[in-house]
Amino acid sequence: MAALALTGCNVNKEENSKAQPSPDKEVSETLGEGPEVLLTNLIAPWSIQKNGDTMYVSERTGTIVQWERGEMKRQKVNLKKTLSVKAEAGLLGFLLTPDFSNNRRAIAYYTYEEGGNSINRIVTLQKDNDTWRELETLIDGIPSGDYHHGGRIKIGPDDKVYATTGDARNPTIAQDLDSLGGKVLRMNLDGTIPKDNPIENSYVYSYGHRNPQGLAWDEAGQMYESEHGESAHDELNKIAPGMNFGWPEIESDEQKPNMVNPLIHSGENTWAPSGIAYFDGKLYIATLRGESLKSYDVQSGKMTDIITDSGRLRDVFVDEDSLYFISNNTDGRGNPDEKDDKLYRLPLSQKN
């Protein structure tokens, strides 16, 4: 069985509510070498991507940081719209296309300002040497506001693009199937609507979400999503096509017909979960207010804190060798040190 090799980590820092299983007193992960700092002085980083040995990290301020052979380059992103500087807004989700090595294209989710309004859109980017430029619009008009943008984009095992969108602090739109807010969206790589989406001629894959920020799939193709609740009650959801996850009608363990309860929630505590990744039976969850990297065992339902000394964490990424995560202490809500923010790497060790 594969396990994380970690050391120097304070575990079980925060108490968990009765709404979820308590963390182990004895951490189940193998303790070994601790996290290695790959990058420092990142500015409000949001997404991690990797192509071969090259790492890319998006920054909300409108830049992409490239780390290659030990060299860091901060690369400008030329967008067609004026990037929003509102709280939680900016350049958010960032995703390399499957053929990136050949076409040098990526997909991005960003908030822009136009006519006094904030709007979210999903676009393709073209990398030209050390600059990125917006190429095509895939989806526009995603609701925005001062907060709750969603913003995560991932490619699923079905080769479709999935995006999380927030309710833009207008909770009623999460139940409105004509609105793109408060949803998980699904589209083809060219931005068209897949014919097998659960709602005909609609990008909507699931709805009733408040501020979802994490997506991951297990080896069987099951999708999971992380979501910010209201005044705690943060959620980890098991997503199925066309399902209604209840916001704002229900949250946590509340029930209504045809609405789905979370797999697990934080009760009266706050995690503020953001990016998630799956590896070998566990979901790894970056948390902001919770200031920890958590692991959730899908089989046992056991939640464990494995990193608690890096402050706010925004995203986590797993490949065959390592787990990567980024701190997010420079986003205006953290307490950054002089080298924040940072990209960390943890080795994944094989254990029989």
Protein backbone atom coordinates (compact mmCIF):
# COMPACT_ATOMS: atom_id res chain seq x y z
CA MET A 1 0.00 0.00 0.00
CA ALA A 2 1.31 3.48 -0.81
CA ALA A 3 1.73 6.01 1.97
CA LEU A 4 3.08 9.50 2.36
CA ALA A 5 6.54 9.88 3.78
CA LEU A 6 6.41 12.81 6.20
CA THR A 7 8.19 14.24 9.19
CA GLY A 8 8.23 17.31 11.39
CA CYS A 9 4.44 17.67 11.17
CA ASN A 10 2.14 18.65 14.00
CA VAL A 11 -0.89 16.40 13.71
CA ASN A 12 -4.44 16.70 14.98
CA LYS A 13 -4.14 20.41 15.70
CA GLU A 14 -7.85 21.12 15.48
CA GLU A 15 -10.70 19.19 17.08
CA ASN A 16 -13.25 17.71 14.72
CA SER A 17 -16.98 17.79 15.33
CA LYS A 18 -19.30 14.86 15.88
CA ALA A 19 -20.38 15.30 12.27
CA GLN A 20 -17.27 13.43 11.13
CA PRO A 21 -14.95 10.70 12.39
CA SER A 22 -12.22 11.99 14.70
CA PRO A 23 -8.63 11.99 13.42
CA ASP A 24 -6.42 9.13 14.53
CA LYS A 25 -4.42 9.80 17.65
CA GLU A 26 -1.68 7.78 15.95
CA VAL A 27 -1.19 9.13 12.43
CA SER A 28 -1.38 6.34 9.87
CA GLU A 29 0.99 7.88 7.33
CA THR A 30 4.55 6.61 7.28
CA LEU A 31 6.87 9.16 8.85
CA GLY A 32 10.04 9.82 6.90
CA GLU A 33 11.60 12.90 5.32
CA GLY A 34 9.57 16.07 5.63
CA PRO A 35 8.33 18.47 2.96
CA GLU A 36 10.91 20.04 0.68
CA VAL A 37 10.46 23.71 -0.27
CA LEU A 38 10.78 24.06 -4.03
CA LEU A 39 9.69 27.68 -4.46
CA THR A 40 9.44 30.73 -2.22
CA ASN A 41 8.01 34.25 -2.60
CA LEU A 42 4.92 33.21 -4.54
CA ILE A 43 2.14 35.81 -4.63
CA ALA A 44 -1.32 34.49 -3.69
CA PRO A 45 -0.83 31.21 -5.60
CA TRP A 46 -3.92 29.25 -6.63
CA SER A 47 -3.29 26.21 -8.87
CA ILE A 48 -0.49 23.69 -9.36
CA GLN A 49 0.28 21.95 -12.67
CA LYS A 50 3.17 19.79 -13.84
CA ASN A 51 4.50 18.81 -17.25
CA GLY A 52 7.42 16.40 -17.12
CA ASP A 53 9.89 17.93 -14.70
CA THR A 54 8.48 21.45 -15.08
CA MET A 55 6.09 22.89 -12.48
CA TYR A 56 3.61 25.71 -13.09
CA VAL A 57 1.77 27.70 -10.40
CA SER A 58 -0.90 30.29 -11.18
CA GLU A 59 -0.98 33.49 -9.11
CA ARG A 60 -4.16 35.51 -8.57
CA THR A 61 -2.37 38.69 -9.59
CA GLY A 62 -2.23 37.48 -13.22
CA THR A 63 1.04 35.61 -13.55
CA ILE A 64 2.20 32.02 -13.99
CA VAL A 65 5.32 30.89 -12.14
CA GLN A 66 7.40 28.31 -13.97
CA TRP A 67 9.92 26.18 -12.06
CA GLU A 68 12.28 24.21 -14.27
CA ARG A 69 15.65 22.66 -13.41
CA GLY A 70 15.81 24.72 -10.23
CA GLU A 71 15.12 28.02 -12.02
CA MET A 72 12.04 30.13 -11.22
CA LYS A 73 10.47 32.41 -13.84
CA ARG A 74 7.41 34.60 -13.24
CA GLN A 75 5.60 34.82 -16.57
CA LYS A 76 3.09 37.47 -17.62
CA VAL A 77 -0.43 36.44 -18.68
CA ASN A 78 -1.94 38.79 -21.27
CA LEU A 79 -5.71 38.66 -20.88
CA LYS A 80 -8.37 40.22 -23.09
CA LYS A 81 -10.31 41.56 -20.12
CA THR A 82 -9.27 43.61 -17.08
CA LEU A 83 -8.35 41.22 -14.26
CA SER A 84 -10.36 41.79 -11.09
CA VAL A 85 -8.50 42.66 -7.90
CA LYS A 86 -11.45 41.99 -5.58
CA ALA A 87 -11.07 39.68 -2.62
CA GLU A 88 -10.85 36.03 -3.72
CA ALA A 89 -10.91 37.09 -7.41
CA GLY A 90 -8.24 37.15 -10.11
CA LEU A 91 -6.47 34.42 -12.06
CA LEU A 92 -7.69 31.24 -10.35
CA GLY A 93 -7.90 27.81 -11.96
CA PHE A 94 -5.10 26.84 -14.35
CA LEU A 95 -4.88 23.60 -16.31
CA LEU A 96 -2.42 22.33 -18.92
CA THR A 97 -4.15 20.71 -21.88
CA PRO A 98 -3.44 17.01 -22.53
CA ASP A 99 -1.35 17.92 -25.60
CA PHE A 100 0.51 20.76 -23.88
CA SER A 101 3.97 19.41 -24.80
CA ASN A 102 3.09 19.95 -28.46
CA ASN A 103 0.60 22.83 -28.58
CA ARG A 104 1.74 24.79 -25.47
CA ARG A 105 -1.87 25.53 -24.54
CA ALA A 106 -3.58 25.73 -21.17
CA ILE A 107 -7.05 26.51 -19.81
CA ALA A 108 -7.62 29.23 -17.22
CA TYR A 109 -10.47 30.51 -15.05
CA TYR A 110 -10.35 34.19 -14.17
CA THR A 111 -12.45 37.06 -12.83
CA TYR A 112 -12.63 40.27 -14.84
CA GLU A 113 -14.18 43.71 -14.45
CA GLU A 114 -16.44 45.22 -17.10
CA GLY A 115 -18.93 48.07 -16.81
CA GLY A 116 -18.63 48.08 -13.04
CA ASN A 117 -19.45 44.37 -12.81
CA SER A 118 -17.32 41.35 -11.93
CA ILE A 119 -17.66 38.29 -14.19
CA ASN A 120 -15.89 34.92 -14.35
CA ARG A 121 -14.84 33.24 -17.57
CA ILE A 122 -12.95 30.16 -18.75
CA VAL A 123 -10.48 30.62 -21.61
CA THR A 124 -7.62 28.95 -23.42
CA LEU A 125 -4.11 30.35 -23.10
CA GLN A 126 -1.20 30.06 -25.52
CA LYS A 127 2.35 29.96 -24.15
CA ASP A 128 4.83 31.93 -26.25
CA ASN A 129 8.28 31.63 -24.69
CA ASP A 130 7.92 33.32 -21.29
CA THR A 131 4.52 34.92 -21.92
CA TRP A 132 0.99 33.54 -21.95
CA ARG A 133 -1.82 35.12 -23.97
CA GLU A 134 -5.56 34.57 -23.95
CA LEU A 135 -6.58 32.76 -27.11
CA GLU A 136 -10.25 31.72 -27.06
CA THR A 137 -13.23 32.01 -24.73
CA LEU A 138 -14.71 28.67 -23.69
CA ILE A 139 -17.39 29.88 -21.24
CA ASP A 140 -18.23 33.46 -20.27
CA GLY A 141 -20.80 35.05 -18.01
CA ILE A 142 -20.17 32.90 -14.93
CA PRO A 143 -21.64 34.86 -11.98
CA SER A 144 -19.20 36.78 -9.85
CA GLY A 145 -19.30 39.25 -6.99
CA ASP A 146 -17.10 40.17 -4.06
CA TYR A 147 -16.71 36.53 -2.97
CA HIS A 148 -17.51 32.91 -3.87
CA HIS A 149 -16.00 32.46 -7.31
CA GLY A 150 -15.34 28.72 -7.25
CA GLY A 151 -12.57 28.56 -9.83
CA ARG A 152 -11.15 25.03 -9.94
CA ILE A 153 -10.79 23.40 -13.37
CA LYS A 154 -9.75 19.79 -13.97
CA ILE A 155 -9.85 17.22 -16.76
CA GLY A 156 -11.69 14.08 -15.73
CA PRO A 157 -10.96 10.48 -16.72
CA ASP A 158 -13.55 10.92 -19.49
CA ASP A 159 -11.34 13.65 -21.06
CA LYS A 160 -13.96 16.32 -20.33
CA VAL A 161 -13.21 19.64 -18.61
CA TYR A 162 -14.90 20.20 -15.24
CA ALA A 163 -15.14 23.56 -13.49
CA THR A 164 -16.42 24.61 -10.07
CA THR A 165 -18.41 27.85 -9.81
CA GLY A 166 -19.49 29.69 -6.67
CA ASP A 167 -22.82 31.28 -5.82
CA ALA A 168 -21.31 34.80 -5.99
CA ARG A 169 -22.95 35.46 -2.59
CA ASN A 170 -26.36 35.11 -4.22
CA PRO A 171 -27.39 31.72 -2.79
CA THR A 172 -30.58 31.33 -4.83
CA ILE A 173 -28.66 30.91 -8.10
CA ALA A 174 -27.20 27.61 -6.84
CA GLN A 175 -30.69 26.08 -7.32
CA ASP A 176 -31.35 27.88 -10.62
CA LEU A 177 -30.53 25.55 -13.51
CA ASP A 178 -30.45 28.52 -15.88
CA SER A 179 -27.56 30.05 -13.94
CA LEU A 180 -23.93 28.91 -14.17
CA GLY A 181 -23.32 29.88 -10.53
CA GLY A 182 -23.15 27.40 -7.65
CA LYS A 183 -22.44 24.47 -9.95
CA VAL A 184 -19.98 21.91 -11.20
CA LEU A 185 -19.84 22.45 -14.98
CA ARG A 186 -18.78 19.90 -17.63
CA MET A 187 -17.65 20.71 -21.16
CA ASN A 188 -15.63 19.42 -24.07
CA LEU A 189 -12.08 20.68 -24.53
CA ASP A 190 -13.30 23.10 -27.20
CA GLY A 191 -15.90 24.61 -24.84
CA THR A 192 -18.94 22.91 -26.36
CA ILE A 193 -21.56 21.09 -24.29
CA PRO A 194 -21.15 17.28 -24.21
CA LYS A 195 -24.14 15.43 -25.62
CA ASP A 196 -24.23 13.13 -22.59
CA ASN A 197 -24.45 15.88 -19.96
CA PRO A 198 -27.25 15.15 -17.46
CA ILE A 199 -29.25 18.24 -18.46
CA GLU A 200 -29.78 18.67 -22.18
CA ASN A 201 -28.01 21.66 -23.78
CA SER A 202 -26.57 22.67 -20.40
CA TYR A 203 -23.06 22.79 -18.94
CA VAL A 204 -24.51 21.92 -15.52
CA TYR A 205 -23.23 18.60 -14.18
CA SER A 206 -24.26 19.04 -10.53
CA TYR A 207 -25.81 21.94 -8.63
CA GLY A 208 -26.73 23.28 -5.22
CA HIS A 209 -23.12 24.21 -4.38
CA ARG A 210 -22.04 27.22 -2.32
CA ASN A 211 -18.35 27.77 -3.08
CA PRO A 212 -16.73 24.61 -4.44
CA GLN A 213 -12.95 24.70 -4.91
CA GLY A 214 -11.67 21.16 -5.26
CA LEU A 215 -12.17 18.29 -7.73
CA ALA A 216 -10.59 14.82 -7.85
CA TRP A 217 -11.33 11.32 -9.17
CA ASP A 218 -10.47 7.87 -7.87
CA GLU A 219 -9.25 4.97 -10.01
CA ALA A 220 -12.85 3.88 -10.66
CA GLY A 221 -13.76 7.29 -12.06
CA GLN A 222 -15.75 8.46 -9.03
CA MET A 223 -15.60 12.25 -8.66
CA TYR A 224 -15.18 14.07 -5.35
CA GLU A 225 -15.61 17.78 -4.63
CA SER A 226 -14.67 20.05 -1.72
CA GLU A 227 -16.82 23.03 -0.77
CA HIS A 228 -16.94 25.95 1.65
CA GLY A 229 -20.01 25.88 3.88
CA GLU A 230 -21.71 28.77 5.65
CA SER A 231 -20.23 29.56 9.09
CA ALA A 232 -18.27 26.27 9.11
CA HIS A 233 -20.16 23.18 7.83
CA ASP A 234 -17.58 22.71 5.07
CA GLU A 235 -18.17 19.70 2.85
CA LEU A 236 -16.56 16.86 0.97
CA ASN A 237 -19.04 15.56 -1.60
CA LYS A 238 -19.28 12.44 -3.73
CA ILE A 239 -20.52 13.79 -7.06
CA ALA A 240 -22.94 12.10 -9.44
CA PRO A 241 -24.32 13.63 -12.66
CA GLY A 242 -27.45 15.73 -12.30
CA MET A 243 -27.51 15.60 -8.51
CA ASN A 244 -28.64 18.50 -6.30
CA PHE A 245 -26.39 19.06 -3.28
CA GLY A 246 -28.88 21.30 -1.55
CA TRP A 247 -27.41 24.75 -1.03
CA PRO A 248 -29.05 26.98 0.20
CA GLU A 249 -32.03 24.75 1.05
CA ILE A 250 -30.01 22.34 3.18
CA GLU A 251 -26.46 21.91 4.46
CA SER A 252 -24.57 19.34 6.52
CA ASP A 253 -26.98 16.63 7.76
CA GLU A 254 -30.21 18.47 6.94
CA GLN A 255 -32.42 16.62 4.52
CA LYS A 256 -34.91 17.35 1.77
CA PRO A 257 -36.26 15.10 -0.95
CA ASN A 258 -34.01 14.78 -4.02
CA MET A 259 -31.14 16.60 -2.31
CA VAL A 260 -27.83 14.90 -1.49
CA ASN A 261 -25.97 15.11 1.81
CA PRO A 262 -22.17 15.40 1.93
CA LEU A 263 -19.89 12.45 2.34
CA ILE A 264 -18.40 14.24 5.34
CA HIS A 265 -18.61 17.78 6.78
CA SER A 266 -16.79 19.86 9.36
CA GLY A 267 -19.72 20.54 11.68
CA GLU A 268 -19.14 23.67 13.77
CA ASN A 269 -15.45 23.78 12.85
CA THR A 270 -14.11 25.50 9.74
CA TRP A 271 -11.78 23.87 7.23
CA ALA A 272 -12.33 26.16 4.21
CA PRO A 273 -11.20 23.34 1.90
CA SER A 274 -9.70 24.27 -1.44
CA GLY A 275 -7.80 22.01 -3.86
CA ILE A 276 -7.97 18.23 -3.46
CA ALA A 277 -6.13 15.26 -4.98
CA TYR A 278 -6.63 11.49 -4.85
CA PHE A 279 -3.98 8.82 -4.38
CA ASP A 280 -4.23 5.18 -3.36
CA GLY A 281 -7.51 5.25 -1.50
CA LYS A 282 -7.08 8.67 0.08
CA LEU A 283 -8.17 12.18 -0.72
CA TYR A 284 -5.65 14.90 0.16
CA ILE A 285 -7.32 18.20 1.01
CA ALA A 286 -5.68 21.63 1.22
CA THR A 287 -7.46 23.82 3.77
CA LEU A 288 -7.33 27.58 4.25
CA ARG A 289 -8.94 28.48 7.57
CA GLY A 290 -8.10 24.96 8.79
CA GLU A 291 -4.41 25.63 8.00
CA SER A 292 -3.67 21.98 7.34
CA LEU A 293 -3.20 19.34 4.70
CA LYS A 294 -5.70 16.62 5.49
CA SER A 295 -6.08 13.08 4.27
CA TYR A 296 -9.44 11.35 4.07
CA ASP A 297 -9.51 7.56 3.81
CA VAL A 298 -12.33 6.79 1.39
CA GLN A 299 -12.84 3.28 2.77
CA SER A 300 -12.78 3.98 6.51
CA GLY A 301 -14.08 7.56 6.51
CA LYS A 302 -11.10 8.53 8.67
CA MET A 303 -9.86 12.15 8.45
CA THR A 304 -6.29 12.88 9.50
CA ASP A 305 -4.22 16.08 9.68
CA ILE A 306 -0.78 15.40 8.19
CA ILE A 307 0.65 18.93 7.80
CA THR A 308 -0.28 21.74 10.18
CA ASP A 309 2.72 24.06 10.24
CA SER A 310 2.58 25.83 6.85
CA GLY A 311 -0.40 28.14 7.40
CA ARG A 312 -3.18 28.49 4.83
CA LEU A 313 -3.02 25.92 2.02
CA ARG A 314 -4.66 26.45 -1.38
CA ASP A 315 -3.95 23.51 -3.69
CA VAL A 316 -2.51 19.99 -3.74
CA PHE A 317 -1.25 17.98 -6.71
CA VAL A 318 -0.15 14.33 -6.92
CA ASP A 319 1.94 12.53 -9.52
CA GLU A 320 3.49 9.06 -9.42
CA ASP A 321 6.41 10.13 -7.24
CA SER A 322 5.37 13.07 -5.09
CA LEU A 323 2.64 15.14 -3.51
CA TYR A 324 2.92 18.91 -4.01
CA PHE A 325 1.08 21.64 -2.12
CA ILE A 326 1.12 25.45 -1.97
CA SER A 327 0.67 27.78 0.95
CA ASN A 328 -1.63 30.78 0.59
CA ASN A 329 -0.57 33.13 3.36
CA THR A 330 -0.20 36.19 1.11
CA ASP A 331 -3.88 36.27 0.09
CA GLY A 332 -4.74 39.03 2.58
CA ARG A 333 -6.06 36.66 5.25
CA GLY A 334 -2.91 34.87 6.37
CA ASN A 335 0.20 35.71 8.37
CA PRO A 336 3.00 35.37 5.84
CA ASP A 337 6.63 35.02 6.75
CA GLU A 338 9.36 36.69 4.71
CA LYS A 339 9.56 33.77 2.23
CA ASP A 340 5.86 33.10 1.74
CA ASP A 341 4.18 31.83 -0.25
CA LYS A 342 5.81 28.46 -0.94
CA LEU A 343 5.52 25.38 -3.12
CA TYR A 344 6.28 22.19 -1.18
CA ARG A 345 7.01 18.62 -2.26
CA LEU A 346 6.47 15.44 -0.24
CA PRO A 347 7.78 12.08 -1.47
CA LEU A 348 5.32 9.24 -2.01
CA SER A 349 6.88 6.00 -0.75
CA GLN A 350 5.72 2.49 -1.57
CA LYS A 351 5.01 0.22 1.37
CA ASN A 352 3.96 -3.43 1.14
